[in-house]
Amino acid sequence: PRSTLFPYTTLFRSDRGANLTLLAYPSVDSIAEFSVQRSNYNAEFGRSSSGQVNVITSAGTNQFHGDLYEFFRNDVLDANTYLNNRKGTTIPALRYNDFGGTIGGPIWRDHTFFFFSEEVRRVITYTNFLASVPSVAELHGDLSANGAPVCIQYDANQNCIQTGTQVTQINPASQAYLNDIFNKLPSPDDPNCTGGCTLISNGRNIFNLHQEIARVDHVF
């Protein structure tokens, strides 16, 4: 049994065990209390054979109350990784801002109350990717750096009749692919490499989140 039930005040969410089916993530500042029951819970809790995580959101009172917060991260505050340091690669840029606030209070004193929470997250990260790219010599058909000869000529039945490390006859379709794809690749990090050349590039990742939670309670 891996399914865990998350009741949120009057809403149910179930996690099937992969942290992928839990679609509701209430802001931490909007939570008044929570409890975790792992087993042997009462009959009022059901639907899942694993744990029960009960989450109660905050509610308004006769007094106005609220808060503001900002969680901030930046690459200037982080350390570089070991592999980046070995290759002389600078730390990727990071912009992480998680901010928001809550407010609650009375609508009709002693009877009706409201509570509102808002959270905004703006995250920009860069990931270093390491790719293998051909050297300048390899782009011109010189494969001597690989050490092993390749077939450079075929007969009419597509049987190899000659091997070598210098390709002089390139299929027109292959030549078009080289012109359209490989010739547009940036040069390797080491322009003097003859084989096993690598290229480090940065990929940008963007994640934006905007969450609002509103609650109204009335006491009759």
C-alpha atoms as a PDB file:
ATOM      1  CA  PRO A   1       0.000   0.000   0.000  1.00  0.00           C
ATOM      2  CA  ARG A   2       1.520   3.278  -1.146  1.00  0.00           C
ATOM      3  CA  SER A   3      -1.463   5.604  -1.537  1.00  0.00           C
ATOM      4  CA  THR A   4      -1.601   8.450   0.983  1.00  0.00           C
ATOM      5  CA  LEU A   5      -4.668  10.659   1.490  1.00  0.00           C
ATOM      6  CA  PHE A   6      -4.337  14.418   2.086  1.00  0.00           C
ATOM      7  CA  PRO A   7      -7.622  15.948   3.335  1.00  0.00           C
ATOM      8  CA  TYR A   8      -7.433  19.788   3.104  1.00  0.00           C
ATOM      9  CA  THR A   9     -10.245  21.198   5.264  1.00  0.00           C
ATOM     10  CA  THR A  10     -13.053  20.202   2.828  1.00  0.00           C
ATOM     11  CA  LEU A  11     -10.914  18.985  -0.076  1.00  0.00           C
ATOM     12  CA  PHE A  12      -9.332  15.577  -0.695  1.00  0.00           C
ATOM     13  CA  ARG A  13      -6.129  14.869  -2.565  1.00  0.00           C
ATOM     14  CA  SER A  14      -4.489  11.466  -2.921  1.00  0.00           C
ATOM     15  CA  ASP A  15      -0.835  10.671  -3.592  1.00  0.00           C
ATOM     16  CA  ARG A  16      -0.338   7.315  -5.329  1.00  0.00           C
ATOM     17  CA  GLY A  17       3.239   6.995  -4.131  1.00  0.00           C
ATOM     18  CA  ALA A  18       5.204   8.882  -6.785  1.00  0.00           C
ATOM     19  CA  ASN A  19       4.604  12.479  -5.562  1.00  0.00           C
ATOM     20  CA  LEU A  20       3.082  13.146  -8.996  1.00  0.00           C
ATOM     21  CA  THR A  21      -0.647  12.859  -8.291  1.00  0.00           C
ATOM     22  CA  LEU A  22      -0.715  15.317  -5.377  1.00  0.00           C
ATOM     23  CA  LEU A  23      -1.926  18.435  -7.181  1.00  0.00           C
ATOM     24  CA  ALA A  24      -2.735  20.731  -4.241  1.00  0.00           C
ATOM     25  CA  TYR A  25       0.167  22.311  -2.351  1.00  0.00           C
ATOM     26  CA  PRO A  26      -1.238  24.866   0.099  1.00  0.00           C
ATOM     27  CA  SER A  27       1.045  27.708   1.077  1.00  0.00           C
ATOM     28  CA  VAL A  28       2.812  27.031   4.364  1.00  0.00           C
ATOM     29  CA  ASP A  29       1.583  30.316   5.852  1.00  0.00           C
ATOM     30  CA  SER A  30      -2.030  29.347   5.087  1.00  0.00           C
ATOM     31  CA  ILE A  31      -1.867  26.179   7.205  1.00  0.00           C
ATOM     32  CA  ALA A  32      -3.148  26.420  10.779  1.00  0.00           C
ATOM     33  CA  GLU A  33      -2.378  22.838  11.774  1.00  0.00           C
ATOM     34  CA  PHE A  34      -1.814  19.370  10.394  1.00  0.00           C
ATOM     35  CA  SER A  35      -1.662  15.848  11.746  1.00  0.00           C
ATOM     36  CA  VAL A  36      -0.244  12.604  10.370  1.00  0.00           C
ATOM     37  CA  GLN A  37      -1.790   9.200  11.035  1.00  0.00           C
ATOM     38  CA  ARG A  38       0.139   6.223   9.760  1.00  0.00           C
ATOM     39  CA  SER A  39      -2.145   3.320  10.709  1.00  0.00           C
ATOM     40  CA  ASN A  40      -5.020   2.149  12.907  1.00  0.00           C
ATOM     41  CA  TYR A  41      -7.049   5.300  12.303  1.00  0.00           C
ATOM     42  CA  ASN A  42     -10.784   5.584  12.889  1.00  0.00           C
ATOM     43  CA  ALA A  43     -13.449   4.716  10.329  1.00  0.00           C
ATOM     44  CA  GLU A  44     -13.975   8.405   9.516  1.00  0.00           C
ATOM     45  CA  PHE A  45     -10.665   8.290   7.657  1.00  0.00           C
ATOM     46  CA  GLY A  46     -10.722   6.134   4.568  1.00  0.00           C
ATOM     47  CA  ARG A  47     -10.119   5.899   0.822  1.00  0.00           C
ATOM     48  CA  SER A  48      -6.408   5.126   1.210  1.00  0.00           C
ATOM     49  CA  SER A  49      -4.624   2.151   2.691  1.00  0.00           C
ATOM     50  CA  SER A  50      -1.500   4.033   3.707  1.00  0.00           C
ATOM     51  CA  GLY A  51      -1.181   7.257   5.746  1.00  0.00           C
ATOM     52  CA  GLN A  52      -3.588  10.102   6.407  1.00  0.00           C
ATOM     53  CA  VAL A  53      -2.242  13.673   6.389  1.00  0.00           C
ATOM     54  CA  ASN A  54      -4.926  16.044   7.719  1.00  0.00           C
ATOM     55  CA  VAL A  55      -4.370  19.705   6.822  1.00  0.00           C
ATOM     56  CA  ILE A  56      -6.487  22.532   8.282  1.00  0.00           C
ATOM     57  CA  THR A  57      -6.183  25.964   6.677  1.00  0.00           C
ATOM     58  CA  SER A  58      -6.234  29.105   8.790  1.00  0.00           C
ATOM     59  CA  ALA A  59      -9.458  31.002   9.440  1.00  0.00           C
ATOM     60  CA  GLY A  60     -10.293  34.580  10.279  1.00  0.00           C
ATOM     61  CA  THR A  61     -11.010  35.795  13.812  1.00  0.00           C
ATOM     62  CA  ASN A  62     -12.434  38.909  15.462  1.00  0.00           C
ATOM     63  CA  GLN A  63      -8.986  40.499  15.115  1.00  0.00           C
ATOM     64  CA  PHE A  64      -7.302  41.342  11.833  1.00  0.00           C
ATOM     65  CA  HIS A  65      -4.072  39.418  11.387  1.00  0.00           C
ATOM     66  CA  GLY A  66      -1.701  38.685   8.524  1.00  0.00           C
ATOM     67  CA  ASP A  67       1.892  38.449   7.391  1.00  0.00           C
ATOM     68  CA  LEU A  68       4.228  39.057   4.451  1.00  0.00           C
ATOM     69  CA  TYR A  69       7.198  36.923   3.481  1.00  0.00           C
ATOM     70  CA  GLU A  70       9.941  36.580   0.893  1.00  0.00           C
ATOM     71  CA  PHE A  71      12.167  33.518   0.386  1.00  0.00           C
ATOM     72  CA  PHE A  72      15.178  34.479  -1.697  1.00  0.00           C
ATOM     73  CA  ARG A  73      17.980  32.529  -3.369  1.00  0.00           C
ATOM     74  CA  ASN A  74      20.672  33.699  -5.776  1.00  0.00           C
ATOM     75  CA  ASP A  75      23.788  32.188  -7.337  1.00  0.00           C
ATOM     76  CA  VAL A  76      25.989  34.812  -5.635  1.00  0.00           C
ATOM     77  CA  LEU A  77      25.111  33.105  -2.346  1.00  0.00           C
ATOM     78  CA  ASP A  78      25.800  29.545  -3.562  1.00  0.00           C
ATOM     79  CA  ALA A  79      28.950  27.475  -3.989  1.00  0.00           C
ATOM     80  CA  ASN A  80      29.968  25.968  -7.307  1.00  0.00           C
ATOM     81  CA  THR A  81      29.955  22.209  -7.884  1.00  0.00           C
ATOM     82  CA  TYR A  82      33.082  20.085  -7.819  1.00  0.00           C
ATOM     83  CA  LEU A  83      32.874  19.170 -11.532  1.00  0.00           C
ATOM     84  CA  ASN A  84      32.325  22.790 -12.578  1.00  0.00           C
ATOM     85  CA  ASN A  85      35.380  23.835 -10.595  1.00  0.00           C
ATOM     86  CA  ARG A  86      37.500  21.129 -12.244  1.00  0.00           C
ATOM     87  CA  LYS A  87      36.518  22.335 -15.715  1.00  0.00           C
ATOM     88  CA  GLY A  88      36.794  26.020 -14.818  1.00  0.00           C
ATOM     89  CA  THR A  89      33.082  26.549 -15.429  1.00  0.00           C
ATOM     90  CA  THR A  90      31.380  29.330 -13.516  1.00  0.00           C
ATOM     91  CA  ILE A  91      28.350  28.593 -11.385  1.00  0.00           C
ATOM     92  CA  PRO A  92      25.061  28.720 -13.331  1.00  0.00           C
ATOM     93  CA  ALA A  93      22.841  31.724 -12.693  1.00  0.00           C
ATOM     94  CA  LEU A  94      19.983  31.257 -10.219  1.00  0.00           C
ATOM     95  CA  ARG A  95      17.039  33.541  -9.496  1.00  0.00           C
ATOM     96  CA  TYR A  96      14.601  32.185  -6.920  1.00  0.00           C
ATOM     97  CA  ASN A  97      11.919  34.407  -5.397  1.00  0.00           C
ATOM     98  CA  ASP A  98       9.043  32.961  -3.373  1.00  0.00           C
ATOM     99  CA  PHE A  99       6.907  35.711  -1.871  1.00  0.00           C
ATOM    100  CA  GLY A 100       3.373  36.299  -0.662  1.00  0.00           C
ATOM    101  CA  GLY A 101       1.250  37.005   2.348  1.00  0.00           C
ATOM    102  CA  THR A 102      -1.920  36.263   4.283  1.00  0.00           C
ATOM    103  CA  ILE A 103      -4.674  38.325   5.837  1.00  0.00           C
ATOM    104  CA  GLY A 104      -7.709  37.393   7.903  1.00  0.00           C
ATOM    105  CA  GLY A 105     -10.301  39.124  10.033  1.00  0.00           C
ATOM    106  CA  PRO A 106     -13.969  39.702  10.746  1.00  0.00           C
ATOM    107  CA  ILE A 107     -16.722  40.472   8.234  1.00  0.00           C
ATOM    108  CA  TRP A 108     -19.507  40.411  10.838  1.00  0.00           C
ATOM    109  CA  ARG A 109     -18.060  40.362  14.335  1.00  0.00           C
ATOM    110  CA  ASP A 110     -18.599  37.083  16.213  1.00  0.00           C
ATOM    111  CA  HIS A 111     -20.380  35.584  13.187  1.00  0.00           C
ATOM    112  CA  THR A 112     -18.616  35.827   9.794  1.00  0.00           C
ATOM    113  CA  PHE A 113     -14.874  35.731   9.168  1.00  0.00           C
ATOM    114  CA  PHE A 114     -12.592  35.687   6.122  1.00  0.00           C
ATOM    115  CA  PHE A 115      -9.084  34.483   5.384  1.00  0.00           C
ATOM    116  CA  PHE A 116      -7.012  35.013   2.231  1.00  0.00           C
ATOM    117  CA  SER A 117      -3.577  33.695   1.261  1.00  0.00           C
ATOM    118  CA  GLU A 118      -1.499  34.410  -1.831  1.00  0.00           C
ATOM    119  CA  GLU A 119       1.837  32.944  -2.855  1.00  0.00           C
ATOM    120  CA  VAL A 120       3.886  33.822  -5.957  1.00  0.00           C
ATOM    121  CA  ARG A 121       6.973  31.953  -7.069  1.00  0.00           C
ATOM    122  CA  ARG A 122       9.386  33.088  -9.794  1.00  0.00           C
ATOM    123  CA  VAL A 123      12.271  30.723 -10.477  1.00  0.00           C
ATOM    124  CA  ILE A 124      14.916  30.962 -13.216  1.00  0.00           C
ATOM    125  CA  THR A 125      17.669  28.340 -13.214  1.00  0.00           C
ATOM    126  CA  TYR A 126      20.407  27.409 -15.650  1.00  0.00           C
ATOM    127  CA  THR A 127      21.696  23.871 -16.071  1.00  0.00           C
ATOM    128  CA  ASN A 128      25.115  23.033 -17.506  1.00  0.00           C
ATOM    129  CA  PHE A 129      24.967  20.392 -20.235  1.00  0.00           C
ATOM    130  CA  LEU A 130      28.038  18.466 -21.399  1.00  0.00           C
ATOM    131  CA  ALA A 131      27.914  17.271 -25.010  1.00  0.00           C
ATOM    132  CA  SER A 132      30.339  15.410 -27.263  1.00  0.00           C
ATOM    133  CA  VAL A 133      31.048  17.316 -30.486  1.00  0.00           C
ATOM    134  CA  PRO A 134      33.290  16.577 -33.477  1.00  0.00           C
ATOM    135  CA  SER A 135      36.631  18.256 -33.857  1.00  0.00           C
ATOM    136  CA  VAL A 136      37.478  20.488 -36.803  1.00  0.00           C
ATOM    137  CA  ALA A 137      39.473  17.657 -38.370  1.00  0.00           C
ATOM    138  CA  GLU A 138      36.602  15.190 -37.955  1.00  0.00           C
ATOM    139  CA  LEU A 139      34.211  17.579 -39.696  1.00  0.00           C
ATOM    140  CA  HIS A 140      36.552  17.430 -42.711  1.00  0.00           C
ATOM    141  CA  GLY A 141      36.665  13.625 -42.739  1.00  0.00           C
ATOM    142  CA  ASP A 142      39.898  13.103 -40.755  1.00  0.00           C
ATOM    143  CA  LEU A 143      39.135  10.327 -38.258  1.00  0.00           C
ATOM    144  CA  SER A 144      42.728   9.474 -37.370  1.00  0.00           C
ATOM    145  CA  ALA A 145      42.245  10.606 -33.766  1.00  0.00           C
ATOM    146  CA  ASN A 146      39.876   7.692 -33.167  1.00  0.00           C
ATOM    147  CA  GLY A 147      42.695   5.210 -33.701  1.00  0.00           C
ATOM    148  CA  ALA A 148      40.580   2.630 -35.544  1.00  0.00           C
ATOM    149  CA  PRO A 149      40.035   2.674 -39.317  1.00  0.00           C
ATOM    150  CA  VAL A 150      36.512   2.896 -40.736  1.00  0.00           C
ATOM    151  CA  CYS A 151      35.072   1.796 -44.036  1.00  0.00           C
ATOM    152  CA  ILE A 152      35.622   4.530 -46.609  1.00  0.00           C
ATOM    153  CA  GLN A 153      34.534   2.761 -49.803  1.00  0.00           C
ATOM    154  CA  TYR A 154      31.794   0.278 -50.695  1.00  0.00           C
ATOM    155  CA  ASP A 155      31.100  -1.800 -53.796  1.00  0.00           C
ATOM    156  CA  ALA A 156      27.788  -1.956 -55.625  1.00  0.00           C
ATOM    157  CA  ASN A 157      26.486  -4.500 -53.109  1.00  0.00           C
ATOM    158  CA  GLN A 158      27.347  -2.226 -50.171  1.00  0.00           C
ATOM    159  CA  ASN A 159      30.262  -4.431 -49.113  1.00  0.00           C
ATOM    160  CA  CYS A 160      33.257  -2.655 -47.612  1.00  0.00           C
ATOM    161  CA  ILE A 161      36.230  -2.795 -49.938  1.00  0.00           C
ATOM    162  CA  GLN A 162      38.530  -0.209 -48.358  1.00  0.00           C
ATOM    163  CA  THR A 163      39.195   1.065 -44.837  1.00  0.00           C
ATOM    164  CA  GLY A 164      41.087   4.063 -43.600  1.00  0.00           C
ATOM    165  CA  THR A 165      40.995   7.111 -41.329  1.00  0.00           C
ATOM    166  CA  GLN A 166      40.482   9.772 -44.018  1.00  0.00           C
ATOM    167  CA  VAL A 167      37.033   9.980 -45.615  1.00  0.00           C
ATOM    168  CA  THR A 168      37.286  11.556 -49.066  1.00  0.00           C
ATOM    169  CA  GLN A 169      33.935  10.543 -50.566  1.00  0.00           C
ATOM    170  CA  ILE A 170      30.903  11.673 -48.590  1.00  0.00           C
ATOM    171  CA  ASN A 171      27.352  10.783 -49.538  1.00  0.00           C
ATOM    172  CA  PRO A 172      25.478  13.930 -50.728  1.00  0.00           C
ATOM    173  CA  ALA A 173      22.734  13.360 -48.152  1.00  0.00           C
ATOM    174  CA  SER A 174      25.335  13.038 -45.404  1.00  0.00           C
ATOM    175  CA  GLN A 175      27.125  16.134 -46.664  1.00  0.00           C
ATOM    176  CA  ALA A 176      23.867  18.102 -46.515  1.00  0.00           C
ATOM    177  CA  TYR A 177      23.368  16.918 -42.936  1.00  0.00           C
ATOM    178  CA  LEU A 178      26.881  18.033 -42.022  1.00  0.00           C
ATOM    179  CA  ASN A 179      26.270  21.445 -43.572  1.00  0.00           C
ATOM    180  CA  ASP A 180      22.870  21.948 -41.928  1.00  0.00           C
ATOM    181  CA  ILE A 181      23.617  20.528 -38.468  1.00  0.00           C
ATOM    182  CA  PHE A 182      27.234  19.927 -37.531  1.00  0.00           C
ATOM    183  CA  ASN A 183      28.688  22.967 -39.239  1.00  0.00           C
ATOM    184  CA  LYS A 184      26.421  25.161 -37.125  1.00  0.00           C
ATOM    185  CA  LEU A 185      27.664  23.712 -33.841  1.00  0.00           C
ATOM    186  CA  PRO A 186      29.908  25.954 -31.732  1.00  0.00           C
ATOM    187  CA  SER A 187      33.566  25.069 -31.542  1.00  0.00           C
ATOM    188  CA  PRO A 188      34.638  22.652 -28.796  1.00  0.00           C
ATOM    189  CA  ASP A 189      35.701  24.070 -25.449  1.00  0.00           C
ATOM    190  CA  ASP A 190      39.262  23.133 -26.417  1.00  0.00           C
ATOM    191  CA  PRO A 191      39.714  24.308 -30.034  1.00  0.00           C
ATOM    192  CA  ASN A 192      42.939  22.263 -30.304  1.00  0.00           C
ATOM    193  CA  CYS A 193      41.376  18.921 -29.399  1.00  0.00           C
ATOM    194  CA  THR A 194      41.634  16.183 -32.029  1.00  0.00           C
ATOM    195  CA  GLY A 195      39.173  13.641 -30.628  1.00  0.00           C
ATOM    196  CA  GLY A 196      36.716  13.188 -27.818  1.00  0.00           C
ATOM    197  CA  CYS A 197      35.913  16.902 -27.898  1.00  0.00           C
ATOM    198  CA  THR A 198      33.312  18.277 -25.507  1.00  0.00           C
ATOM    199  CA  LEU A 199      31.155  21.380 -25.336  1.00  0.00           C
ATOM    200  CA  ILE A 200      29.519  22.837 -22.225  1.00  0.00           C
ATOM    201  CA  SER A 201      26.335  24.823 -22.769  1.00  0.00           C
ATOM    202  CA  ASN A 202      23.751  26.419 -20.484  1.00  0.00           C
ATOM    203  CA  GLY A 203      20.041  25.617 -20.636  1.00  0.00           C
ATOM    204  CA  ARG A 204      17.506  28.037 -19.152  1.00  0.00           C
ATOM    205  CA  ASN A 205      14.624  26.720 -17.049  1.00  0.00           C
ATOM    206  CA  ILE A 206      11.662  28.869 -15.976  1.00  0.00           C
ATOM    207  CA  PHE A 207       9.055  27.986 -13.348  1.00  0.00           C
ATOM    208  CA  ASN A 208       6.249  30.354 -12.342  1.00  0.00           C
ATOM    209  CA  LEU A 209       3.556  29.675  -9.745  1.00  0.00           C
ATOM    210  CA  HIS A 210       0.661  31.794  -8.533  1.00  0.00           C
ATOM    211  CA  GLN A 211      -1.592  30.417  -5.794  1.00  0.00           C
ATOM    212  CA  GLU A 212      -4.552  32.003  -4.041  1.00  0.00           C
ATOM    213  CA  ILE A 213      -6.567  30.507  -1.181  1.00  0.00           C
ATOM    214  CA  ALA A 214      -9.743  32.135   0.112  1.00  0.00           C
ATOM    215  CA  ARG A 215     -11.910  30.988   3.017  1.00  0.00           C
ATOM    216  CA  VAL A 216     -15.096  32.347   4.597  1.00  0.00           C
ATOM    217  CA  ASP A 217     -16.565  30.961   7.852  1.00  0.00           C
ATOM    218  CA  HIS A 218     -19.937  31.786   9.402  1.00  0.00           C
ATOM    219  CA  VAL A 219     -21.095  30.944  12.916  1.00  0.00           C
ATOM    220  CA  PHE A 220     -24.888  30.700  13.292  1.00  0.00           C
END
